[in-house]
Amino acid sequence: MLPLSTLSLRSFLAATAAFCVGLLLYAAYLQHGPQFQQPCPLCVLQRYVYIAIALIAAVGAWRNHYGYAVGVAVVAGDGALLAGWQVAKGSTMTACQADPIGQFVNGLPTADWFPQYFFANGGCADRYDALGLPVPVWSLLCFAGIAIAAGWVAWQQHRLKAKP
């Protein structure tokens, strides 16, 4: 595996976009596959964050500017906060559908356009595991990893451009 310092910015951002698309496809598999795991409102919000990261990273790979890596780091950091909140408080949220978060998520236009993927009909207290860890913990680890890696790459690229 190549260290982050030897990857080009364009390669890193393209790999980040592909990784996020892979995570979104895995979420669809978990939802519609053999385990039939239904997403809660916080899970659906995290899907939106992964989509935003994938779009920023894809545009950044095309434009090849380190500012997009900064954007990826910031949005991934926000996703880590959201996933961390779900890890910390999700087990106590037994009525997600009736609270303002559930109403907001299911009131978004995408919940009507593509309900198979964006309509939240699971409970936040429902525990689903993937590869031995709860899904929200995996999401937290992925968001944190993306944020740290993107921040590092952006900092390295800024240092390279700042050298005389």
Protein backbone atom coordinates (compact mmCIF):
# COMPACT_ATOMS: atom_id res chain seq x y z
CA MET A 1 0.00 0.00 0.00
CA LEU A 2 1.30 3.45 -0.91
CA PRO A 3 1.73 6.00 1.86
CA LEU A 4 -0.48 9.05 1.55
CA SER A 5 2.49 11.29 0.87
CA THR A 6 3.27 9.50 -2.41
CA LEU A 7 -0.28 9.55 -3.78
CA SER A 8 -1.16 12.35 -6.11
CA LEU A 9 -4.01 14.59 -5.07
CA ARG A 10 -6.06 13.48 -8.05
CA SER A 11 -5.54 9.79 -7.20
CA PHE A 12 -6.42 10.30 -3.55
CA LEU A 13 -9.64 12.18 -4.33
CA ALA A 14 -10.67 9.65 -6.98
CA ALA A 15 -10.03 6.80 -4.54
CA THR A 16 -12.02 8.62 -1.85
CA ALA A 17 -14.97 9.08 -4.21
CA ALA A 18 -14.82 5.39 -5.20
CA PHE A 19 -14.60 4.34 -1.53
CA CYS A 20 -17.71 6.37 -0.66
CA VAL A 21 -19.63 4.91 -3.60
CA GLY A 22 -18.57 1.46 -2.41
CA LEU A 23 -19.86 2.22 1.09
CA LEU A 24 -23.17 3.43 -0.35
CA LEU A 25 -23.49 0.23 -2.38
CA TYR A 26 -22.71 -1.82 0.74
CA ALA A 27 -25.46 0.08 2.60
CA ALA A 28 -27.88 -0.89 -0.17
CA TYR A 29 -26.75 -4.52 0.15
CA LEU A 30 -27.28 -4.47 3.92
CA GLN A 31 -30.74 -2.99 3.43
CA HIS A 32 -31.95 -5.20 0.59
CA GLY A 33 -29.72 -8.25 1.07
CA PRO A 34 -30.25 -11.34 3.20
CA GLN A 35 -30.28 -9.47 6.55
CA PHE A 36 -32.86 -6.86 5.43
CA GLN A 37 -31.51 -4.14 7.74
CA GLN A 38 -33.77 -1.10 7.65
CA PRO A 39 -32.06 2.30 8.00
CA CYS A 40 -32.92 4.73 10.76
CA PRO A 41 -33.05 8.50 10.15
CA LEU A 42 -29.46 8.97 11.33
CA CYS A 43 -28.30 6.25 8.92
CA VAL A 44 -30.05 7.99 6.04
CA LEU A 45 -28.45 11.32 7.01
CA GLN A 46 -25.07 9.60 6.91
CA ARG A 47 -25.85 8.37 3.40
CA TYR A 48 -26.33 11.98 2.36
CA VAL A 49 -22.95 12.85 3.87
CA TYR A 50 -21.24 10.01 1.98
CA ILE A 51 -22.87 11.25 -1.23
CA ALA A 52 -21.62 14.78 -0.53
CA ILE A 53 -18.08 13.48 0.11
CA ALA A 54 -18.16 11.41 -3.09
CA LEU A 55 -19.32 14.40 -5.14
CA ILE A 56 -16.75 16.79 -3.65
CA ALA A 57 -13.98 14.24 -4.11
CA ALA A 58 -15.00 13.46 -7.71
CA VAL A 59 -15.08 17.14 -8.66
CA GLY A 60 -11.79 17.63 -6.81
CA ALA A 61 -10.19 14.77 -8.74
CA TRP A 62 -11.29 16.42 -11.96
CA ARG A 63 -10.21 19.94 -10.94
CA ASN A 64 -7.04 18.78 -9.10
CA HIS A 65 -7.02 21.44 -6.38
CA TYR A 66 -6.24 20.78 -2.74
CA GLY A 67 -9.16 22.93 -1.61
CA TYR A 68 -11.42 20.01 -2.46
CA ALA A 69 -9.46 17.80 -0.06
CA VAL A 70 -10.14 20.41 2.62
CA GLY A 71 -13.84 20.24 1.74
CA VAL A 72 -13.77 16.44 1.97
CA ALA A 73 -12.07 16.66 5.38
CA VAL A 74 -14.65 19.13 6.72
CA VAL A 75 -17.68 17.20 5.45
CA ALA A 76 -16.21 13.88 6.65
CA GLY A 77 -15.59 15.47 10.05
CA ASP A 78 -19.25 16.48 10.17
CA GLY A 79 -20.18 12.91 9.23
CA ALA A 80 -17.98 11.61 12.05
CA LEU A 81 -19.84 13.86 14.49
CA LEU A 82 -23.17 12.55 13.21
CA ALA A 83 -22.04 8.91 13.41
CA GLY A 84 -20.52 9.54 16.85
CA TRP A 85 -23.84 10.94 18.02
CA GLN A 86 -25.57 7.81 16.75
CA VAL A 87 -23.04 5.56 18.50
CA ALA A 88 -23.41 7.49 21.77
CA LYS A 89 -27.14 8.21 21.78
CA GLY A 90 -28.70 5.92 19.17
CA SER A 91 -29.53 3.12 21.61
CA THR A 92 -31.65 5.52 23.68
CA MET A 93 -33.59 6.84 20.66
CA THR A 94 -36.47 4.37 20.53
CA ALA A 95 -38.99 6.51 18.60
CA CYS A 96 -36.92 7.93 15.74
CA GLN A 97 -39.83 8.01 13.33
CA ALA A 98 -41.87 10.34 15.54
CA ASP A 99 -39.11 12.77 16.45
CA PRO A 100 -38.14 15.83 14.39
CA ILE A 101 -35.12 14.06 12.82
CA GLY A 102 -37.26 11.25 11.42
CA GLN A 103 -39.87 13.68 10.17
CA PHE A 104 -37.18 15.83 8.54
CA VAL A 105 -35.44 12.90 6.82
CA ASN A 106 -38.66 11.34 5.55
CA GLY A 107 -39.94 14.75 4.45
CA LEU A 108 -37.00 15.36 2.10
CA PRO A 109 -37.80 15.07 -1.61
CA THR A 110 -35.34 12.21 -2.07
CA ALA A 111 -37.40 10.09 0.35
CA ASP A 112 -40.23 10.35 -2.20
CA TRP A 113 -38.06 10.08 -5.31
CA PHE A 114 -36.06 7.04 -4.16
CA PRO A 115 -37.76 5.63 -1.05
CA GLN A 116 -36.02 2.27 -1.36
CA TYR A 117 -32.80 4.00 -0.31
CA PHE A 118 -33.66 7.31 1.39
CA PHE A 119 -36.83 6.58 3.39
CA ALA A 120 -35.98 5.80 7.01
CA ASN A 121 -38.16 3.03 8.39
CA GLY A 122 -35.80 1.48 10.92
CA GLY A 123 -35.29 2.45 14.53
CA CYS A 124 -32.15 4.13 15.82
CA ALA A 125 -32.05 1.66 18.73
CA ASP A 126 -32.04 -1.33 16.34
CA ARG A 127 -28.62 -2.95 16.45
CA TYR A 128 -27.20 -4.36 13.25
CA ASP A 129 -23.68 -5.72 13.02
CA ALA A 130 -21.38 -5.95 10.02
CA LEU A 131 -18.10 -7.79 10.34
CA GLY A 132 -18.41 -7.91 14.13
CA LEU A 133 -19.08 -4.23 14.83
CA PRO A 134 -22.29 -2.21 14.81
CA VAL A 135 -22.86 -0.41 11.51
CA PRO A 136 -22.74 3.08 13.13
CA VAL A 137 -19.29 2.28 14.57
CA TRP A 138 -18.07 1.32 11.09
CA SER A 139 -19.49 4.55 9.73
CA LEU A 140 -17.75 6.55 12.47
CA LEU A 141 -14.44 4.83 11.67
CA CYS A 142 -14.85 5.46 7.93
CA PHE A 143 -15.76 9.13 8.38
CA ALA A 144 -12.87 9.67 10.80
CA GLY A 145 -10.43 7.91 8.48
CA ILE A 146 -11.55 9.95 5.48
CA ALA A 147 -11.37 13.21 7.47
CA ILE A 148 -7.87 12.49 8.81
CA ALA A 149 -6.54 11.29 5.45
CA ALA A 150 -8.06 14.20 3.51
CA GLY A 151 -6.77 16.69 6.06
CA TRP A 152 -3.30 15.20 5.80
CA VAL A 153 -3.32 15.23 2.01
CA ALA A 154 -4.60 18.82 1.92
CA TRP A 155 -1.90 19.91 4.36
CA GLN A 156 0.81 18.15 2.32
CA GLN A 157 -0.45 19.71 -0.91
CA HIS A 158 -0.57 23.15 0.71
CA ARG A 159 3.01 22.74 1.91
CA LEU A 160 4.15 21.74 -1.58
CA LYS A 161 2.49 24.76 -3.17
CA ALA A 162 3.81 27.13 -0.49
CA LYS A 163 7.47 26.19 -1.08
CA PRO A 164 9.37 28.79 -3.10
